Amino acid sequence: MVQLRENFSPGEEEDEFTKRIVLGVMEHRQEIDRLIEERSENWRLDRMTIIDRNILRIAIFELLYCSEVPPKVTLNEAIDLGKRYGSEESGSFINGILDRIQNEVIRKPL
């Protein structure tokens, strides 16, 4: 969090939301990681790239605990982040897992 504030100047709202995401992912990491592993075919968490794994964690936390963020926005942002910072396959990999979680666990309309 300190590095984030030193390198970027988020507004107060963004800073609070970022803090909520970081602390929330840490608090619910076991649950989130279990969901990722259950919905990723033939992929253990430790075999996923760090980028993909953490994008998934953030997105799943938002889907589960941030009702003010529309699920479609969460999925689109996660896929875009994967495409931008991950590998060539990251966008579709992230999309596949989040789509399964959205349909099987969350069941909120996109």
Protein backbone atom coordinates (compact mmCIF):
# COMPACT_ATOMS: atom_id res chain seq x y z
CA MET A 1 0.00 0.00 0.00
CA VAL A 2 2.84 2.39 0.79
CA GLN A 3 4.45 1.81 -2.62
CA LEU A 4 1.11 2.41 -4.30
CA ARG A 5 0.74 5.77 -2.58
CA GLU A 6 4.37 6.72 -3.27
CA ASN A 7 4.18 5.92 -6.99
CA PHE A 8 0.62 6.94 -7.74
CA SER A 9 -1.59 9.63 -6.33
CA PRO A 10 -5.01 8.02 -6.07
CA GLY A 11 -7.89 10.11 -4.83
CA GLU A 12 -9.32 9.36 -1.41
CA GLU A 13 -12.14 7.21 -2.85
CA GLU A 14 -9.75 5.16 -4.98
CA ASP A 15 -7.37 4.76 -2.06
CA GLU A 16 -10.15 3.41 0.17
CA PHE A 17 -11.39 1.04 -2.53
CA THR A 18 -7.84 -0.18 -3.18
CA LYS A 19 -7.33 -0.77 0.53
CA ARG A 20 -10.63 -2.64 0.70
CA ILE A 21 -9.60 -4.87 -2.23
CA VAL A 22 -6.12 -5.63 -0.87
CA LEU A 23 -7.29 -6.35 2.67
CA GLY A 24 -10.33 -8.27 1.43
CA VAL A 25 -8.29 -10.53 -0.85
CA MET A 26 -5.89 -11.22 2.01
CA GLU A 27 -8.73 -11.99 4.42
CA HIS A 28 -10.64 -14.25 2.00
CA ARG A 29 -7.65 -15.73 0.17
CA GLN A 30 -8.32 -19.37 1.13
CA GLU A 31 -11.91 -19.19 -0.07
CA ILE A 32 -10.94 -17.35 -3.26
CA ASP A 33 -8.07 -19.74 -4.03
CA ARG A 34 -10.36 -22.72 -3.50
CA LEU A 35 -12.84 -21.28 -6.01
CA ILE A 36 -10.07 -20.71 -8.54
CA GLU A 37 -8.71 -24.24 -8.21
CA GLU A 38 -12.17 -25.83 -8.35
CA ARG A 39 -13.05 -23.95 -11.55
CA SER A 40 -9.72 -24.22 -13.38
CA GLU A 41 -9.49 -27.43 -15.33
CA ASN A 42 -6.10 -29.13 -14.98
CA TRP A 43 -4.48 -26.05 -13.42
CA ARG A 44 -3.20 -25.92 -9.88
CA LEU A 45 -2.88 -22.47 -8.37
CA ASP A 46 0.90 -22.74 -8.09
CA ARG A 47 1.17 -23.45 -11.84
CA MET A 48 -0.64 -20.24 -12.81
CA THR A 49 1.36 -17.12 -13.52
CA ILE A 50 1.49 -14.65 -10.65
CA ILE A 51 -0.25 -12.04 -12.81
CA ASP A 52 -3.17 -14.31 -13.76
CA ARG A 53 -3.55 -15.64 -10.22
CA ASN A 54 -3.69 -12.19 -8.66
CA ILE A 55 -6.02 -10.75 -11.29
CA LEU A 56 -8.35 -13.68 -10.59
CA ARG A 57 -8.14 -13.10 -6.84
CA ILE A 58 -9.05 -9.43 -7.17
CA ALA A 59 -11.89 -10.10 -9.60
CA ILE A 60 -13.37 -12.88 -7.47
CA PHE A 61 -13.24 -10.70 -4.38
CA GLU A 62 -15.09 -7.98 -6.30
CA LEU A 63 -17.69 -10.47 -7.53
CA LEU A 64 -18.29 -11.86 -4.05
CA TYR A 65 -17.96 -8.80 -1.83
CA CYS A 66 -18.34 -5.60 -3.88
CA SER A 67 -21.99 -5.47 -4.84
CA GLU A 68 -21.60 -1.86 -6.00
CA VAL A 69 -19.38 -3.04 -8.88
CA PRO A 70 -21.43 -4.61 -11.71
CA PRO A 71 -20.19 -8.15 -12.49
CA LYS A 72 -19.78 -7.29 -16.17
CA VAL A 73 -17.41 -4.45 -15.25
CA THR A 74 -15.36 -6.75 -13.02
CA LEU A 75 -15.05 -9.40 -15.74
CA ASN A 76 -14.18 -6.89 -18.47
CA GLU A 77 -11.53 -5.18 -16.34
CA ALA A 78 -9.97 -8.50 -15.29
CA ILE A 79 -9.80 -9.71 -18.89
CA ASP A 80 -8.29 -6.39 -20.03
CA LEU A 81 -5.67 -6.55 -17.26
CA GLY A 82 -4.80 -10.09 -18.27
CA LYS A 83 -4.38 -9.09 -21.90
CA ARG A 84 -2.27 -6.09 -20.97
CA TYR A 85 0.00 -7.56 -18.28
CA GLY A 86 -0.22 -11.31 -18.74
CA SER A 87 0.63 -13.74 -21.49
CA GLU A 88 -1.03 -14.09 -24.88
CA GLU A 89 -3.49 -16.59 -23.38
CA SER A 90 -4.21 -14.71 -20.14
CA GLY A 91 -7.35 -12.94 -21.29
CA SER A 92 -9.13 -16.11 -22.36
CA PHE A 93 -7.80 -18.08 -19.37
CA ILE A 94 -9.10 -15.46 -16.92
CA ASN A 95 -12.37 -15.17 -18.82
CA GLY A 96 -12.96 -18.92 -18.65
CA ILE A 97 -12.43 -19.19 -14.90
CA LEU A 98 -14.39 -16.05 -14.04
CA ASP A 99 -17.23 -17.09 -16.32
CA ARG A 100 -17.50 -20.43 -14.51
CA ILE A 101 -17.41 -18.75 -11.10
CA GLN A 102 -19.95 -16.16 -12.23
CA ASN A 103 -22.35 -18.85 -13.52
CA GLU A 104 -21.85 -21.51 -10.85
CA VAL A 105 -21.22 -19.52 -7.67
CA ILE A 106 -22.32 -15.92 -8.01
CA ARG A 107 -25.29 -16.20 -10.39
CA LYS A 108 -25.72 -12.43 -10.67
CA PRO A 109 -26.78 -11.29 -14.12
CA LEU A 110 -24.09 -9.71 -16.24
